[in-house]
Amino acid sequence: MVNIDHINDHGQTAYNLSQLHGHEEIMGVLVDAGASQLPALPCIVDGCDNECRVPHICEEVHPGR
């Protein structure tokens, strides 16, 4: 069984990534399959432009920021 709401190392789900890249058809397929539509959350370090579902220390997850 696959976890449709799996969170990657950057705190993003397949839905978040599809949304980020403008893949509306894939977003629809994921929602139809039961995926969460919760938005990604910004990193907790000022100036980080990554969107992540879980708060974290940005440098630990996005080295070089």
N, C-alpha and C. Protein backbone atom coordinates (compact mmCIF):
# COMPACT_ATOMS: atom_id res chain seq x y z
N MET A 1 0.84 -1.18 0.00
CA MET A 1 0.00 0.00 0.00
C MET A 1 0.89 1.25 0.00
N VAL A 2 0.49 2.26 -0.73
CA VAL A 2 1.24 3.51 -0.87
C VAL A 2 0.61 4.59 0.00
N ASN A 3 1.44 5.36 0.70
CA ASN A 3 0.96 6.50 1.47
C ASN A 3 0.89 7.70 0.55
N ILE A 4 -0.31 8.06 0.13
CA ILE A 4 -0.49 9.15 -0.84
C ILE A 4 -0.07 10.50 -0.26
N ASP A 5 -0.01 10.61 1.07
CA ASP A 5 0.40 11.85 1.72
C ASP A 5 1.82 11.78 2.28
N HIS A 6 2.65 10.91 1.69
CA HIS A 6 4.04 10.80 2.12
C HIS A 6 4.71 12.17 2.03
N ILE A 7 5.50 12.52 3.04
CA ILE A 7 6.21 13.79 3.06
C ILE A 7 7.69 13.53 2.76
N ASN A 8 8.22 14.22 1.75
CA ASN A 8 9.62 14.04 1.38
C ASN A 8 10.55 14.76 2.34
N ASP A 9 11.85 14.74 2.06
CA ASP A 9 12.85 15.35 2.93
C ASP A 9 12.71 16.87 3.03
N HIS A 10 11.95 17.46 2.12
CA HIS A 10 11.73 18.91 2.12
C HIS A 10 10.36 19.26 2.69
N GLY A 11 9.67 18.27 3.26
CA GLY A 11 8.38 18.52 3.88
C GLY A 11 7.23 18.66 2.90
N GLN A 12 7.37 18.13 1.70
CA GLN A 12 6.36 18.29 0.67
C GLN A 12 5.71 16.94 0.32
N THR A 13 4.42 17.03 -0.03
CA THR A 13 3.71 15.84 -0.52
C THR A 13 3.65 15.91 -2.04
N ALA A 14 3.17 14.85 -2.66
CA ALA A 14 2.99 14.85 -4.11
C ALA A 14 2.02 15.96 -4.52
N TYR A 15 1.00 16.18 -3.70
CA TYR A 15 0.04 17.26 -3.99
C TYR A 15 0.76 18.62 -3.98
N ASN A 16 1.58 18.87 -2.95
CA ASN A 16 2.31 20.13 -2.86
C ASN A 16 3.21 20.34 -4.08
N LEU A 17 3.92 19.29 -4.48
CA LEU A 17 4.83 19.41 -5.62
C LEU A 17 4.06 19.63 -6.92
N SER A 18 2.93 18.95 -7.07
CA SER A 18 2.10 19.15 -8.26
C SER A 18 1.59 20.58 -8.32
N GLN A 19 1.18 21.09 -7.17
CA GLN A 19 0.68 22.47 -7.08
C GLN A 19 1.81 23.46 -7.40
N LEU A 20 2.97 23.23 -6.83
CA LEU A 20 4.12 24.11 -7.03
C LEU A 20 4.49 24.24 -8.51
N HIS A 21 4.35 23.13 -9.25
CA HIS A 21 4.74 23.12 -10.66
C HIS A 21 3.57 23.31 -11.62
N GLY A 22 2.38 23.62 -11.07
CA GLY A 22 1.23 23.93 -11.91
C GLY A 22 0.59 22.74 -12.61
N HIS A 23 0.73 21.55 -12.07
CA HIS A 23 0.16 20.35 -12.68
C HIS A 23 -1.25 20.10 -12.12
N GLU A 24 -2.22 20.90 -12.61
CA GLU A 24 -3.58 20.85 -12.08
C GLU A 24 -4.25 19.50 -12.30
N GLU A 25 -4.00 18.86 -13.41
CA GLU A 25 -4.61 17.55 -13.68
C GLU A 25 -4.13 16.52 -12.66
N ILE A 26 -2.85 16.53 -12.36
CA ILE A 26 -2.30 15.60 -11.37
C ILE A 26 -2.85 15.92 -9.98
N MET A 27 -2.99 17.20 -9.66
CA MET A 27 -3.60 17.59 -8.38
C MET A 27 -4.99 16.98 -8.26
N GLY A 28 -5.77 17.05 -9.33
CA GLY A 28 -7.12 16.48 -9.32
C GLY A 28 -7.11 14.99 -9.11
N VAL A 29 -6.20 14.30 -9.78
CA VAL A 29 -6.08 12.85 -9.62
C VAL A 29 -5.72 12.51 -8.17
N LEU A 30 -4.79 13.25 -7.59
CA LEU A 30 -4.39 13.00 -6.21
C LEU A 30 -5.55 13.25 -5.24
N VAL A 31 -6.30 14.32 -5.45
CA VAL A 31 -7.45 14.61 -4.58
C VAL A 31 -8.50 13.51 -4.72
N ASP A 32 -8.76 13.09 -5.95
CA ASP A 32 -9.73 12.01 -6.18
C ASP A 32 -9.31 10.72 -5.48
N ALA A 33 -7.99 10.53 -5.34
CA ALA A 33 -7.47 9.34 -4.67
C ALA A 33 -7.40 9.51 -3.15
N GLY A 34 -7.79 10.69 -2.64
CA GLY A 34 -7.83 10.90 -1.20
C GLY A 34 -6.66 11.68 -0.62
N ALA A 35 -5.86 12.32 -1.45
CA ALA A 35 -4.71 13.08 -0.95
C ALA A 35 -5.16 14.31 -0.17
N SER A 36 -4.39 14.67 0.83
CA SER A 36 -4.63 15.88 1.60
C SER A 36 -4.30 17.09 0.75
N GLN A 37 -5.09 18.15 0.93
CA GLN A 37 -4.84 19.39 0.22
C GLN A 37 -4.22 20.46 1.12
N LEU A 38 -3.67 20.03 2.26
CA LEU A 38 -3.03 20.98 3.17
C LEU A 38 -1.88 21.67 2.47
N PRO A 39 -1.76 22.97 2.66
CA PRO A 39 -0.67 23.70 2.01
C PRO A 39 0.67 23.40 2.65
N ALA A 40 1.73 23.59 1.87
CA ALA A 40 3.08 23.52 2.42
C ALA A 40 3.27 24.75 3.30
N LEU A 41 4.14 24.65 4.28
CA LEU A 41 4.42 25.76 5.18
C LEU A 41 5.80 26.32 4.89
N PRO A 42 6.00 27.63 5.05
CA PRO A 42 7.33 28.19 4.81
C PRO A 42 8.32 27.72 5.86
N CYS A 43 9.58 27.69 5.49
CA CYS A 43 10.64 27.39 6.44
C CYS A 43 10.63 28.43 7.55
N ILE A 44 11.18 28.07 8.71
CA ILE A 44 11.14 28.98 9.84
C ILE A 44 12.33 29.94 9.88
N VAL A 45 13.20 29.86 8.91
CA VAL A 45 14.34 30.77 8.84
C VAL A 45 14.01 31.88 7.85
N ASP A 46 14.17 33.14 8.26
CA ASP A 46 13.86 34.26 7.38
C ASP A 46 14.65 34.18 6.08
N GLY A 47 13.99 34.52 5.01
CA GLY A 47 14.65 34.58 3.72
C GLY A 47 14.66 33.28 2.93
N CYS A 48 14.22 32.20 3.53
CA CYS A 48 14.18 30.94 2.80
C CYS A 48 13.00 30.96 1.85
N ASP A 49 13.23 30.60 0.60
CA ASP A 49 12.14 30.63 -0.38
C ASP A 49 11.54 29.24 -0.62
N ASN A 50 11.92 28.26 0.17
CA ASN A 50 11.35 26.92 0.04
C ASN A 50 10.03 26.85 0.81
N GLU A 51 9.10 26.04 0.31
CA GLU A 51 7.87 25.79 1.02
C GLU A 51 7.92 24.38 1.56
N CYS A 52 7.63 24.22 2.82
CA CYS A 52 7.73 22.93 3.48
C CYS A 52 6.50 22.71 4.35
N ARG A 53 6.06 21.47 4.47
CA ARG A 53 4.86 21.17 5.27
C ARG A 53 5.14 21.16 6.76
N VAL A 54 6.37 20.98 7.16
CA VAL A 54 6.67 20.92 8.58
C VAL A 54 7.74 21.95 8.92
N PRO A 55 7.57 22.69 10.03
CA PRO A 55 8.60 23.65 10.42
C PRO A 55 9.92 22.93 10.73
N HIS A 56 11.02 23.56 10.41
CA HIS A 56 12.33 22.97 10.67
C HIS A 56 13.38 24.07 10.60
N ILE A 57 14.57 23.72 11.00
CA ILE A 57 15.70 24.65 10.83
C ILE A 57 16.12 24.55 9.38
N CYS A 58 15.94 25.62 8.64
CA CYS A 58 16.15 25.61 7.20
C CYS A 58 17.52 25.05 6.81
N GLU A 59 18.57 25.47 7.46
CA GLU A 59 19.93 25.05 7.10
C GLU A 59 20.10 23.55 7.19
N GLU A 60 19.37 22.90 8.11
CA GLU A 60 19.49 21.44 8.26
C GLU A 60 18.85 20.71 7.09
N VAL A 61 17.80 21.26 6.53
CA VAL A 61 17.06 20.59 5.45
C VAL A 61 17.49 21.12 4.09
N HIS A 62 17.87 22.39 4.02
CA HIS A 62 18.29 23.02 2.76
C HIS A 62 19.69 23.61 2.94
N PRO A 63 20.72 22.76 2.99
CA PRO A 63 22.08 23.26 3.22
C PRO A 63 22.47 24.34 2.21
N GLY A 64 23.21 25.31 2.68
CA GLY A 64 23.69 26.36 1.80
C GLY A 64 22.77 27.55 1.71
N ARG A 65 21.67 27.53 2.41
CA ARG A 65 20.72 28.66 2.37
C ARG A 65 21.16 29.74 3.29
